[in-house]
Amino acid sequence: MEAERIARLEQMLDRQDVHDCLVRFCRGIDRFDRDLFLSAFHPDATIAAGDFVGGPSALYDWSSAMHEQGQTATQHNLLNHTCEISGHTAHTETYYIFAARNRDDTNWIAGGRYIDRLERRGGAWRIALRTNVIEWSGTLPTMPLPFADVPDVHANGAPARGNDDPSYRRPLTNVREPNVPR
């Protein structure tokens, strides 16, 4: 019984490490954090995404340039996730929704699946092969940004692509003092 429980715990830890790897990819591209993005892939990985097929460094250069040119903000959201682990190899299918605010003030939304083979090398799970299956895509009508007219909406930190984004603040602190009694 104890050996079975330990095996299940080890598998849960591996699944969490795999999921953490996928999240690093998303956060890395949304925040334009090259090092974080690349930490999701083995250096010799092959990725197929849209008309791109190549390695992780070239993918970062291609996708960050595309997002910089076309969007002011992006969010890669992970949804349903299956993960089959066998030894040091994992096969995953992860549904995603991609949302972006385009520079022309339209909104782009797309959905699809990341189909990945991850390998644990040197104790670290990283993507070795990725196929990005885009299932649908389109633009939404132009709408005003919610809360854009709220005074000081970004007083505690404006969203940014880079390490000046509030999520990089360590330790995390509020920029302003509370103005509401506790």
Protein backbone atom coordinates (compact mmCIF):
# COMPACT_ATOMS: atom_id res chain seq x y z
CA MET A 1 0.00 0.00 0.00
CA GLU A 2 2.72 2.47 0.95
CA ALA A 3 4.72 1.79 -2.27
CA GLU A 4 1.58 2.41 -4.36
CA ARG A 5 0.94 5.68 -2.55
CA ILE A 6 4.54 6.83 -3.04
CA ALA A 7 4.31 5.98 -6.76
CA ARG A 8 1.11 8.03 -7.04
CA LEU A 9 2.73 10.97 -5.24
CA GLU A 10 5.74 10.79 -7.57
CA GLN A 11 3.41 10.82 -10.57
CA MET A 12 1.52 13.81 -9.15
CA LEU A 13 4.80 15.67 -8.67
CA ASP A 14 5.82 14.87 -12.25
CA ARG A 15 2.44 16.04 -13.56
CA GLN A 16 2.82 19.29 -11.60
CA ASP A 17 6.32 19.80 -13.00
CA VAL A 18 4.97 19.22 -16.53
CA HIS A 19 2.15 21.72 -15.95
CA ASP A 20 4.58 24.26 -14.48
CA CYS A 21 6.67 23.91 -17.65
CA LEU A 22 3.64 24.72 -19.84
CA VAL A 23 2.82 27.75 -17.68
CA ARG A 24 6.41 29.03 -18.07
CA PHE A 25 5.92 29.01 -21.84
CA CYS A 26 2.71 31.08 -21.56
CA ARG A 27 4.04 33.56 -19.04
CA GLY A 28 7.33 33.84 -20.89
CA ILE A 29 5.72 34.95 -24.15
CA ASP A 30 3.08 37.16 -22.54
CA ARG A 31 5.67 39.02 -20.45
CA PHE A 32 8.35 38.95 -23.22
CA ASP A 33 10.64 37.10 -20.81
CA ARG A 34 12.98 35.24 -23.14
CA ASP A 35 14.75 33.25 -20.40
CA LEU A 36 11.47 32.08 -18.86
CA PHE A 37 10.08 31.17 -22.30
CA LEU A 38 13.19 29.18 -23.23
CA SER A 39 13.15 27.37 -19.87
CA ALA A 40 10.03 25.53 -21.08
CA PHE A 41 11.93 23.85 -23.93
CA HIS A 42 14.94 21.62 -24.37
CA PRO A 43 17.40 23.50 -26.61
CA ASP A 44 17.03 20.84 -29.34
CA ALA A 45 13.21 20.93 -29.29
CA THR A 46 11.19 21.23 -32.48
CA ILE A 47 8.01 23.31 -32.49
CA ALA A 48 5.35 23.64 -35.20
CA ALA A 49 3.15 26.72 -34.70
CA GLY A 50 1.26 28.26 -37.60
CA ASP A 51 3.70 28.69 -40.46
CA PHE A 52 6.68 28.39 -38.07
CA VAL A 53 8.65 25.16 -37.67
CA GLY A 54 11.92 25.33 -35.78
CA GLY A 55 13.66 25.53 -32.43
CA PRO A 56 12.86 27.40 -29.22
CA SER A 57 15.13 30.44 -29.72
CA ALA A 58 13.85 31.01 -33.25
CA LEU A 59 10.27 30.52 -32.02
CA TYR A 60 10.73 33.17 -29.34
CA ASP A 61 12.20 35.63 -31.85
CA TRP A 62 9.40 34.95 -34.36
CA SER A 63 6.49 35.02 -31.92
CA SER A 64 7.67 37.97 -29.80
CA ALA A 65 8.25 40.05 -32.93
CA MET A 66 4.79 39.12 -34.22
CA HIS A 67 3.17 39.99 -30.87
CA GLU A 68 5.15 43.24 -30.52
CA GLN A 69 4.13 44.34 -33.99
CA GLY A 70 0.49 43.32 -33.72
CA GLN A 71 -0.61 43.50 -30.09
CA THR A 72 -0.33 45.66 -27.02
CA ALA A 73 -1.21 42.76 -24.70
CA THR A 74 -1.58 38.99 -24.97
CA GLN A 75 -2.83 36.22 -22.71
CA HIS A 76 -2.21 32.54 -23.34
CA ASN A 77 -4.68 30.68 -21.10
CA LEU A 78 -4.34 26.94 -20.43
CA LEU A 79 -7.50 24.88 -20.03
CA ASN A 80 -8.17 21.11 -20.15
CA HIS A 81 -4.97 19.13 -19.75
CA THR A 82 -4.20 15.44 -20.17
CA CYS A 83 -0.80 14.02 -19.32
CA GLU A 84 0.46 10.48 -19.91
CA ILE A 85 3.81 9.81 -18.27
CA SER A 86 5.97 6.81 -19.03
CA GLY A 87 9.38 6.92 -17.44
CA HIS A 88 11.16 10.07 -18.55
CA THR A 89 8.68 10.90 -21.34
CA ALA A 90 5.31 12.63 -21.08
CA HIS A 91 2.71 13.14 -23.81
CA THR A 92 0.27 15.95 -23.16
CA GLU A 93 -2.67 17.61 -24.82
CA THR A 94 -3.54 21.03 -23.42
CA TYR A 95 -6.45 23.12 -24.65
CA TYR A 96 -5.84 26.85 -24.78
CA ILE A 97 -7.54 30.14 -25.45
CA PHE A 98 -5.39 32.97 -26.73
CA ALA A 99 -6.67 36.53 -26.32
CA ALA A 100 -5.00 39.72 -27.46
CA ARG A 101 -5.58 43.43 -27.68
CA ASN A 102 -4.44 44.41 -31.15
CA ARG A 103 -2.70 47.68 -31.94
CA ASP A 104 -5.66 48.68 -34.14
CA ASP A 105 -7.91 48.45 -31.01
CA THR A 106 -9.56 45.21 -32.13
CA ASN A 107 -9.45 42.08 -30.01
CA TRP A 108 -8.20 38.76 -31.32
CA ILE A 109 -9.24 35.46 -29.80
CA ALA A 110 -8.22 31.95 -30.81
CA GLY A 111 -8.55 28.47 -29.41
CA GLY A 112 -6.63 25.31 -29.97
CA ARG A 113 -4.50 22.64 -28.41
CA TYR A 114 -0.82 22.26 -27.61
CA ILE A 115 0.14 18.65 -28.26
CA ASP A 116 3.50 18.09 -26.62
CA ARG A 117 6.09 15.46 -25.94
CA LEU A 118 8.07 16.42 -22.87
CA GLU A 119 11.21 14.72 -21.66
CA ARG A 120 12.77 14.73 -18.23
CA ARG A 121 16.48 15.34 -18.68
CA GLY A 122 18.77 16.11 -15.79
CA GLY A 123 15.71 15.99 -13.52
CA ALA A 124 13.84 18.76 -15.41
CA TRP A 125 10.71 18.34 -17.53
CA ARG A 126 10.82 20.40 -20.72
CA ILE A 127 9.12 20.32 -24.10
CA ALA A 128 10.99 18.27 -26.70
CA LEU A 129 8.35 18.40 -29.46
CA ARG A 130 5.29 20.62 -29.86
CA THR A 131 2.48 20.79 -32.37
CA ASN A 132 0.15 23.77 -32.02
CA VAL A 133 -3.26 22.81 -33.40
CA ILE A 134 -5.29 25.98 -33.99
CA GLU A 135 -9.00 25.08 -34.00
CA TRP A 136 -10.60 28.51 -34.43
CA SER A 137 -9.66 32.16 -34.55
CA GLY A 138 -11.31 35.53 -35.09
CA THR A 139 -11.59 39.13 -34.07
CA LEU A 140 -14.13 40.61 -31.71
CA PRO A 141 -15.84 43.96 -32.23
CA THR A 142 -13.97 46.99 -30.97
CA MET A 143 -15.01 47.87 -27.45
CA PRO A 144 -13.64 50.35 -24.93
CA LEU A 145 -11.22 48.91 -22.42
CA PRO A 146 -13.07 48.16 -19.18
CA PHE A 147 -12.10 50.48 -16.34
CA ALA A 148 -9.95 52.64 -18.66
CA ASP A 149 -11.73 55.74 -17.31
CA VAL A 150 -11.16 54.83 -13.65
CA PRO A 151 -8.71 57.30 -12.11
CA ASP A 152 -5.47 55.65 -10.97
CA VAL A 153 -6.47 52.26 -12.44
CA HIS A 154 -2.77 51.44 -12.76
CA ALA A 155 -1.51 53.22 -9.64
CA ASN A 156 -0.33 49.93 -8.14
CA GLY A 157 1.47 49.06 -11.35
CA ALA A 158 0.60 48.99 -15.01
CA PRO A 159 0.67 45.74 -16.92
CA ALA A 160 3.87 45.49 -18.95
CA ARG A 161 5.71 43.15 -21.26
CA GLY A 162 8.94 42.73 -19.38
CA ASN A 163 10.27 42.62 -15.85
CA ASP A 164 8.71 45.97 -14.96
CA ASP A 165 5.34 44.17 -14.82
CA PRO A 166 4.01 44.10 -11.22
CA SER A 167 4.22 40.28 -11.18
CA TYR A 168 8.04 40.51 -11.03
CA ARG A 169 8.03 42.65 -7.87
CA ARG A 170 9.81 40.76 -5.07
CA PRO A 171 8.73 40.90 -2.44
CA LEU A 172 5.30 41.75 -3.79
CA THR A 173 4.16 45.03 -2.28
CA ASN A 174 1.47 47.56 -3.01
CA VAL A 175 2.78 50.82 -4.33
CA ARG A 176 0.09 52.83 -2.52
CA GLU A 177 -1.03 52.83 1.07
CA PRO A 178 -4.57 51.58 1.78
CA ASN A 179 -7.15 54.35 1.60
CA VAL A 180 -9.91 52.24 3.10
CA PRO A 181 -10.02 51.49 6.84
CA ARG A 182 -9.23 47.85 7.62
